[in-house]
Amino acid sequence: MRFIKFTIKLHPINFHIFSNKRNLISNVINLGIKFIEFSIYLSIKFIEFSIYLSIKIILNSINLIIQIFNIRF
């Protein structure tokens, strides 16, 4: 039997798929599951980054307000 090796490198997921005719369907299902895991990972990282940016913007706004009050008084 001829085996085809696919190497897919997605940060942080590295996985290898060895496929023949019998387990091709399970490999496609596993690839779909890995893709769903990777998209969930990316969405969590995007949410973390947006929360980080929101907190940074709020802190910079508070700092700017404090500087304005220090200039006026």
PDB file of N, CA and C in Angstrom:
ATOM      1  N   MET A   1       0.840  -1.189   0.000  1.00  0.00           N
ATOM      2  CA  MET A   1       0.000   0.000   0.000  1.00  0.00           C
ATOM      3  C   MET A   1       0.874   1.238   0.000  1.00  0.00           C
ATOM      4  N   ARG A   2       0.401   2.190  -0.725  1.00  0.00           N
ATOM      5  CA  ARG A   2       1.138   3.451  -0.744  1.00  0.00           C
ATOM      6  C   ARG A   2       0.550   4.371   0.318  1.00  0.00           C
ATOM      7  N   PHE A   3       1.431   4.902   1.144  1.00  0.00           N
ATOM      8  CA  PHE A   3       1.016   5.859   2.156  1.00  0.00           C
ATOM      9  C   PHE A   3       1.407   7.247   1.691  1.00  0.00           C
ATOM     10  N   ILE A   4       0.517   8.175   1.910  1.00  0.00           N
ATOM     11  CA  ILE A   4       0.791   9.572   1.586  1.00  0.00           C
ATOM     12  C   ILE A   4       0.911  10.312   2.903  1.00  0.00           C
ATOM     13  N   LYS A   5       2.015  11.014   3.069  1.00  0.00           N
ATOM     14  CA  LYS A   5       2.235  11.752   4.316  1.00  0.00           C
ATOM     15  C   LYS A   5       2.001  13.228   4.063  1.00  0.00           C
ATOM     16  N   PHE A   6       1.051  13.764   4.779  1.00  0.00           N
ATOM     17  CA  PHE A   6       0.808  15.202   4.752  1.00  0.00           C
ATOM     18  C   PHE A   6       1.338  15.764   6.062  1.00  0.00           C
ATOM     19  N   THR A   7       2.124  16.779   5.988  1.00  0.00           N
ATOM     20  CA  THR A   7       2.571  17.465   7.194  1.00  0.00           C
ATOM     21  C   THR A   7       2.003  18.869   7.165  1.00  0.00           C
ATOM     22  N   ILE A   8       1.174  19.150   8.132  1.00  0.00           N
ATOM     23  CA  ILE A   8       0.546  20.463   8.207  1.00  0.00           C
ATOM     24  C   ILE A   8       1.052  21.124   9.474  1.00  0.00           C
ATOM     25  N   LYS A   9       1.664  22.274   9.327  1.00  0.00           N
ATOM     26  CA  LYS A   9       2.199  22.973  10.489  1.00  0.00           C
ATOM     27  C   LYS A   9       1.406  24.246  10.702  1.00  0.00           C
ATOM     28  N   LEU A  10       0.597  24.241  11.727  1.00  0.00           N
ATOM     29  CA  LEU A  10      -0.145  25.425  12.144  1.00  0.00           C
ATOM     30  C   LEU A  10       0.263  25.702  13.579  1.00  0.00           C
ATOM     31  N   HIS A  11       0.710  26.899  13.833  1.00  0.00           N
ATOM     32  CA  HIS A  11       1.134  27.235  15.193  1.00  0.00           C
ATOM     33  C   HIS A  11      -0.100  27.308  16.069  1.00  0.00           C
ATOM     34  N   PRO A  12      -0.188  26.676  17.227  1.00  0.00           N
ATOM     35  CA  PRO A  12       0.789  25.829  17.904  1.00  0.00           C
ATOM     36  C   PRO A  12       0.561  24.347  17.653  1.00  0.00           C
ATOM     37  N   ILE A  13      -0.148  24.007  16.591  1.00  0.00           N
ATOM     38  CA  ILE A  13      -0.512  22.615  16.352  1.00  0.00           C
ATOM     39  C   ILE A  13       0.335  22.061  15.206  1.00  0.00           C
ATOM     40  N   ASN A  14       1.103  21.027  15.473  1.00  0.00           N
ATOM     41  CA  ASN A  14       1.827  20.310  14.427  1.00  0.00           C
ATOM     42  C   ASN A  14       1.291  18.885  14.411  1.00  0.00           C
ATOM     43  N   PHE A  15       0.834  18.449  13.264  1.00  0.00           N
ATOM     44  CA  PHE A  15       0.337  17.083  13.216  1.00  0.00           C
ATOM     45  C   PHE A  15       0.623  16.465  11.852  1.00  0.00           C
ATOM     46  N   HIS A  16       0.696  15.142  11.838  1.00  0.00           N
ATOM     47  CA  HIS A  16       0.998  14.397  10.628  1.00  0.00           C
ATOM     48  C   HIS A  16      -0.203  13.517  10.301  1.00  0.00           C
ATOM     49  N   ILE A  17      -0.505  13.429   9.043  1.00  0.00           N
ATOM     50  CA  ILE A  17      -1.599  12.572   8.609  1.00  0.00           C
ATOM     51  C   ILE A  17      -1.029  11.513   7.672  1.00  0.00           C
ATOM     52  N   PHE A  18      -1.200  10.259   8.033  1.00  0.00           N
ATOM     53  CA  PHE A  18      -0.824   9.158   7.156  1.00  0.00           C
ATOM     54  C   PHE A  18      -2.116   8.572   6.611  1.00  0.00           C
ATOM     55  N   SER A  19      -2.292   8.624   5.294  1.00  0.00           N
ATOM     56  CA  SER A  19      -3.584   8.197   4.773  1.00  0.00           C
ATOM     57  C   SER A  19      -3.430   7.083   3.758  1.00  0.00           C
ATOM     58  N   ASN A  20      -4.336   6.145   3.818  1.00  0.00           N
ATOM     59  CA  ASN A  20      -4.555   5.195   2.746  1.00  0.00           C
ATOM     60  C   ASN A  20      -6.063   5.187   2.481  1.00  0.00           C
ATOM     61  N   LYS A  21      -6.524   4.219   1.708  1.00  0.00           N
ATOM     62  CA  LYS A  21      -7.939   4.251   1.340  1.00  0.00           C
ATOM     63  C   LYS A  21      -8.853   3.941   2.516  1.00  0.00           C
ATOM     64  N   ARG A  22      -8.371   3.143   3.470  1.00  0.00           N
ATOM     65  CA  ARG A  22      -9.253   2.740   4.565  1.00  0.00           C
ATOM     66  C   ARG A  22      -9.459   3.840   5.594  1.00  0.00           C
ATOM     67  N   ASN A  23      -8.397   4.563   5.934  1.00  0.00           N
ATOM     68  CA  ASN A  23      -8.555   5.542   7.011  1.00  0.00           C
ATOM     69  C   ASN A  23      -8.566   6.977   6.495  1.00  0.00           C
ATOM     70  N   LEU A  24      -8.880   7.161   5.225  1.00  0.00           N
ATOM     71  CA  LEU A  24      -8.928   8.518   4.680  1.00  0.00           C
ATOM     72  C   LEU A  24     -10.051   9.333   5.312  1.00  0.00           C
ATOM     73  N   ILE A  25     -11.199   8.682   5.540  1.00  0.00           N
ATOM     74  CA  ILE A  25     -12.342   9.401   6.123  1.00  0.00           C
ATOM     75  C   ILE A  25     -12.022   9.839   7.543  1.00  0.00           C
ATOM     76  N   SER A  26     -11.396   8.954   8.332  1.00  0.00           N
ATOM     77  CA  SER A  26     -11.055   9.337   9.704  1.00  0.00           C
ATOM     78  C   SER A  26      -9.994  10.429   9.716  1.00  0.00           C
ATOM     79  N   ASN A  27      -9.094  10.416   8.736  1.00  0.00           N
ATOM     80  CA  ASN A  27      -8.102  11.487   8.669  1.00  0.00           C
ATOM     81  C   ASN A  27      -8.740  12.817   8.313  1.00  0.00           C
ATOM     82  N   VAL A  28      -9.726  12.784   7.417  1.00  0.00           N
ATOM     83  CA  VAL A  28     -10.437  14.020   7.086  1.00  0.00           C
ATOM     84  C   VAL A  28     -11.192  14.542   8.303  1.00  0.00           C
ATOM     85  N   ILE A  29     -11.802  13.630   9.063  1.00  0.00           N
ATOM     86  CA  ILE A  29     -12.510  14.041  10.284  1.00  0.00           C
ATOM     87  C   ILE A  29     -11.525  14.620  11.296  1.00  0.00           C
ATOM     88  N   ASN A  30     -10.362  13.965  11.468  1.00  0.00           N
ATOM     89  CA  ASN A  30      -9.351  14.481  12.402  1.00  0.00           C
ATOM     90  C   ASN A  30      -8.824  15.836  11.956  1.00  0.00           C
ATOM     91  N   LEU A  31      -8.643  15.997  10.640  1.00  0.00           N
ATOM     92  CA  LEU A  31      -8.193  17.292  10.131  1.00  0.00           C
ATOM     93  C   LEU A  31      -9.228  18.375  10.411  1.00  0.00           C
ATOM     94  N   GLY A  32     -10.506  18.036  10.253  1.00  0.00           N
ATOM     95  CA  GLY A  32     -11.572  18.990  10.577  1.00  0.00           C
ATOM     96  C   GLY A  32     -11.568  19.358  12.044  1.00  0.00           C
ATOM     97  N   ILE A  33     -11.358  18.364  12.903  1.00  0.00           N
ATOM     98  CA  ILE A  33     -11.309  18.629  14.348  1.00  0.00           C
ATOM     99  C   ILE A  33     -10.117  19.519  14.682  1.00  0.00           C
ATOM    100  N   LYS A  34      -8.953  19.237  14.076  1.00  0.00           N
ATOM    101  CA  LYS A  34      -7.778  20.082  14.329  1.00  0.00           C
ATOM    102  C   LYS A  34      -8.005  21.504  13.820  1.00  0.00           C
ATOM    103  N   PHE A  35      -8.686  21.633  12.674  1.00  0.00           N
ATOM    104  CA  PHE A  35      -8.979  22.965  12.156  1.00  0.00           C
ATOM    105  C   PHE A  35      -9.922  23.717  13.081  1.00  0.00           C
ATOM    106  N   ILE A  36     -10.921  23.020  13.640  1.00  0.00           N
ATOM    107  CA  ILE A  36     -11.839  23.656  14.594  1.00  0.00           C
ATOM    108  C   ILE A  36     -11.082  24.065  15.850  1.00  0.00           C
ATOM    109  N   GLU A  37     -10.187  23.191  16.345  1.00  0.00           N
ATOM    110  CA  GLU A  37      -9.382  23.543  17.524  1.00  0.00           C
ATOM    111  C   GLU A  37      -8.518  24.767  17.248  1.00  0.00           C
ATOM    112  N   PHE A  38      -7.917  24.826  16.060  1.00  0.00           N
ATOM    113  CA  PHE A  38      -7.058  25.954  15.723  1.00  0.00           C
ATOM    114  C   PHE A  38      -7.864  27.240  15.590  1.00  0.00           C
ATOM    115  N   SER A  39      -9.076  27.161  15.024  1.00  0.00           N
ATOM    116  CA  SER A  39      -9.897  28.370  14.901  1.00  0.00           C
ATOM    117  C   SER A  39     -10.380  28.836  16.269  1.00  0.00           C
ATOM    118  N   ILE A  40     -10.682  27.899  17.173  1.00  0.00           N
ATOM    119  CA  ILE A  40     -11.049  28.282  18.542  1.00  0.00           C
ATOM    120  C   ILE A  40      -9.858  28.940  19.234  1.00  0.00           C
ATOM    121  N   TYR A  41      -8.651  28.385  19.038  1.00  0.00           N
ATOM    122  CA  TYR A  41      -7.441  28.974  19.618  1.00  0.00           C
ATOM    123  C   TYR A  41      -7.238  30.400  19.108  1.00  0.00           C
ATOM    124  N   LEU A  42      -7.411  30.596  17.787  1.00  0.00           N
ATOM    125  CA  LEU A  42      -7.242  31.938  17.223  1.00  0.00           C
ATOM    126  C   LEU A  42      -8.285  32.902  17.755  1.00  0.00           C
ATOM    127  N   SER A  43      -9.531  32.448  17.908  1.00  0.00           N
ATOM    128  CA  SER A  43     -10.565  33.349  18.412  1.00  0.00           C
ATOM    129  C   SER A  43     -10.306  33.714  19.870  1.00  0.00           C
ATOM    130  N   ILE A  44      -9.816  32.770  20.668  1.00  0.00           N
ATOM    131  CA  ILE A  44      -9.481  33.077  22.067  1.00  0.00           C
ATOM    132  C   ILE A  44      -8.335  34.079  22.122  1.00  0.00           C
ATOM    133  N   LYS A  45      -7.314  33.897  21.272  1.00  0.00           N
ATOM    134  CA  LYS A  45      -6.203  34.849  21.253  1.00  0.00           C
ATOM    135  C   LYS A  45      -6.672  36.229  20.803  1.00  0.00           C
ATOM    136  N   PHE A  46      -7.607  36.281  19.840  1.00  0.00           N
ATOM    137  CA  PHE A  46      -8.134  37.566  19.396  1.00  0.00           C
ATOM    138  C   PHE A  46      -8.914  38.248  20.510  1.00  0.00           C
ATOM    139  N   ILE A  47      -9.697  37.479  21.271  1.00  0.00           N
ATOM    140  CA  ILE A  47     -10.446  38.050  22.400  1.00  0.00           C
ATOM    141  C   ILE A  47      -9.481  38.558  23.465  1.00  0.00           C
ATOM    142  N   GLU A  48      -8.428  37.782  23.770  1.00  0.00           N
ATOM    143  CA  GLU A  48      -7.433  38.240  24.746  1.00  0.00           C
ATOM    144  C   GLU A  48      -6.764  39.527  24.289  1.00  0.00           C
ATOM    145  N   PHE A  49      -6.434  39.612  23.002  1.00  0.00           N
ATOM    146  CA  PHE A  49      -5.779  40.809  22.479  1.00  0.00           C
ATOM    147  C   PHE A  49      -6.716  42.005  22.520  1.00  0.00           C
ATOM    148  N   SER A  50      -8.003  41.807  22.220  1.00  0.00           N
ATOM    149  CA  SER A  50      -8.946  42.928  22.261  1.00  0.00           C
ATOM    150  C   SER A  50      -9.179  43.396  23.696  1.00  0.00           C
ATOM    151  N   ILE A  51      -9.215  42.471  24.652  1.00  0.00           N
ATOM    152  CA  ILE A  51      -9.338  42.865  26.062  1.00  0.00           C
ATOM    153  C   ILE A  51      -8.097  43.640  26.498  1.00  0.00           C
ATOM    154  N   TYR A  52      -6.915  43.171  26.078  1.00  0.00           N
ATOM    155  CA  TYR A  52      -5.670  43.871  26.404  1.00  0.00           C
ATOM    156  C   TYR A  52      -5.681  45.290  25.837  1.00  0.00           C
ATOM    157  N   LEU A  53      -6.111  45.425  24.571  1.00  0.00           N
ATOM    158  CA  LEU A  53      -6.165  46.761  23.971  1.00  0.00           C
ATOM    159  C   LEU A  53      -7.182  47.650  24.674  1.00  0.00           C
ATOM    160  N   SER A  54      -8.329  47.095  25.060  1.00  0.00           N
ATOM    161  CA  SER A  54      -9.343  47.885  25.758  1.00  0.00           C
ATOM    162  C   SER A  54      -8.808  48.398  27.088  1.00  0.00           C
ATOM    163  N   ILE A  55      -8.155  47.526  27.850  1.00  0.00           N
ATOM    164  CA  ILE A  55      -7.596  47.941  29.143  1.00  0.00           C
ATOM    165  C   ILE A  55      -6.516  48.997  28.934  1.00  0.00           C
ATOM    166  N   LYS A  56      -5.683  48.824  27.909  1.00  0.00           N
ATOM    167  CA  LYS A  56      -4.622  49.796  27.644  1.00  0.00           C
ATOM    168  C   LYS A  56      -5.212  51.154  27.260  1.00  0.00           C
ATOM    169  N   ILE A  57      -6.262  51.159  26.440  1.00  0.00           N
ATOM    170  CA  ILE A  57      -6.909  52.419  26.048  1.00  0.00           C
ATOM    171  C   ILE A  57      -7.544  53.090  27.257  1.00  0.00           C
ATOM    172  N   ILE A  58      -8.199  52.308  28.124  1.00  0.00           N
ATOM    173  CA  ILE A  58      -8.822  52.882  29.327  1.00  0.00           C
ATOM    174  C   ILE A  58      -7.758  53.482  30.242  1.00  0.00           C
ATOM    175  N   LEU A  59      -6.650  52.772  30.444  1.00  0.00           N
ATOM    176  CA  LEU A  59      -5.592  53.296  31.316  1.00  0.00           C
ATOM    177  C   LEU A  59      -4.948  54.549  30.724  1.00  0.00           C
ATOM    178  N   ASN A  60      -4.775  54.570  29.400  1.00  0.00           N
ATOM    179  CA  ASN A  60      -4.227  55.771  28.774  1.00  0.00           C
ATOM    180  C   ASN A  60      -5.192  56.943  28.885  1.00  0.00           C
ATOM    181  N   SER A  61      -6.491  56.674  28.791  1.00  0.00           N
ATOM    182  CA  SER A  61      -7.482  57.744  28.949  1.00  0.00           C
ATOM    183  C   SER A  61      -7.460  58.299  30.368  1.00  0.00           C
ATOM    184  N   ILE A  62      -7.381  57.412  31.353  1.00  0.00           N
ATOM    185  CA  ILE A  62      -7.312  57.861  32.752  1.00  0.00           C
ATOM    186  C   ILE A  62      -6.042  58.675  32.974  1.00  0.00           C
ATOM    187  N   ASN A  63      -4.940  58.232  32.407  1.00  0.00           N
ATOM    188  CA  ASN A  63      -3.678  58.956  32.543  1.00  0.00           C
ATOM    189  C   ASN A  63      -3.775  60.334  31.892  1.00  0.00           C
ATOM    190  N   LEU A  64      -4.423  60.410  30.736  1.00  0.00           N
ATOM    191  CA  LEU A  64      -4.602  61.695  30.056  1.00  0.00           C
ATOM    192  C   LEU A  64      -5.477  62.638  30.874  1.00  0.00           C
ATOM    193  N   ILE A  65      -6.550  62.107  31.465  1.00  0.00           N
ATOM    194  CA  ILE A  65      -7.423  62.941  32.311  1.00  0.00           C
ATOM    195  C   ILE A  65      -6.648  63.455  33.519  1.00  0.00           C
ATOM    196  N   ILE A  66      -5.833  62.602  34.130  1.00  0.00           N
ATOM    197  CA  ILE A  66      -5.025  63.025  35.284  1.00  0.00           C
ATOM    198  C   ILE A  66      -4.040  64.111  34.865  1.00  0.00           C
ATOM    199  N   GLN A  67      -3.428  63.978  33.699  1.00  0.00           N
ATOM    200  CA  GLN A  67      -2.499  65.005  33.226  1.00  0.00           C
ATOM    201  C   GLN A  67      -3.217  66.321  32.957  1.00  0.00           C
ATOM    202  N   ILE A  68      -4.421  66.260  32.402  1.00  0.00           N
ATOM    203  CA  ILE A  68      -5.189  67.494  32.154  1.00  0.00           C
ATOM    204  C   ILE A  68      -5.515  68.188  33.467  1.00  0.00           C
ATOM    205  N   PHE A  69      -5.936  67.416  34.486  1.00  0.00           N
ATOM    206  CA  PHE A  69      -6.230  68.028  35.777  1.00  0.00           C
ATOM    207  C   PHE A  69      -4.971  68.587  36.429  1.00  0.00           C
ATOM    208  N   ASN A  70      -3.837  67.946  36.238  1.00  0.00           N
ATOM    209  CA  ASN A  70      -2.588  68.468  36.795  1.00  0.00           C
ATOM    210  C   ASN A  70      -2.186  69.768  36.113  1.00  0.00           C
ATOM    211  N   ILE A  71      -2.461  69.906  34.831  1.00  0.00           N
ATOM    212  CA  ILE A  71      -2.137  71.149  34.132  1.00  0.00           C
ATOM    213  C   ILE A  71      -3.059  72.274  34.598  1.00  0.00           C
ATOM    214  N   ARG A  72      -4.336  71.979  34.788  1.00  0.00           N
ATOM    215  CA  ARG A  72      -5.285  73.034  35.174  1.00  0.00           C
ATOM    216  C   ARG A  72      -5.098  73.484  36.613  1.00  0.00           C
ATOM    217  N   PHE A  73      -4.727  72.567  37.482  1.00  0.00           N
ATOM    218  CA  PHE A  73      -4.652  72.960  38.888  1.00  0.00           C
ATOM    219  C   PHE A  73      -3.220  73.055  39.321  1.00  0.00           C
TER     220      PHE A  73
END
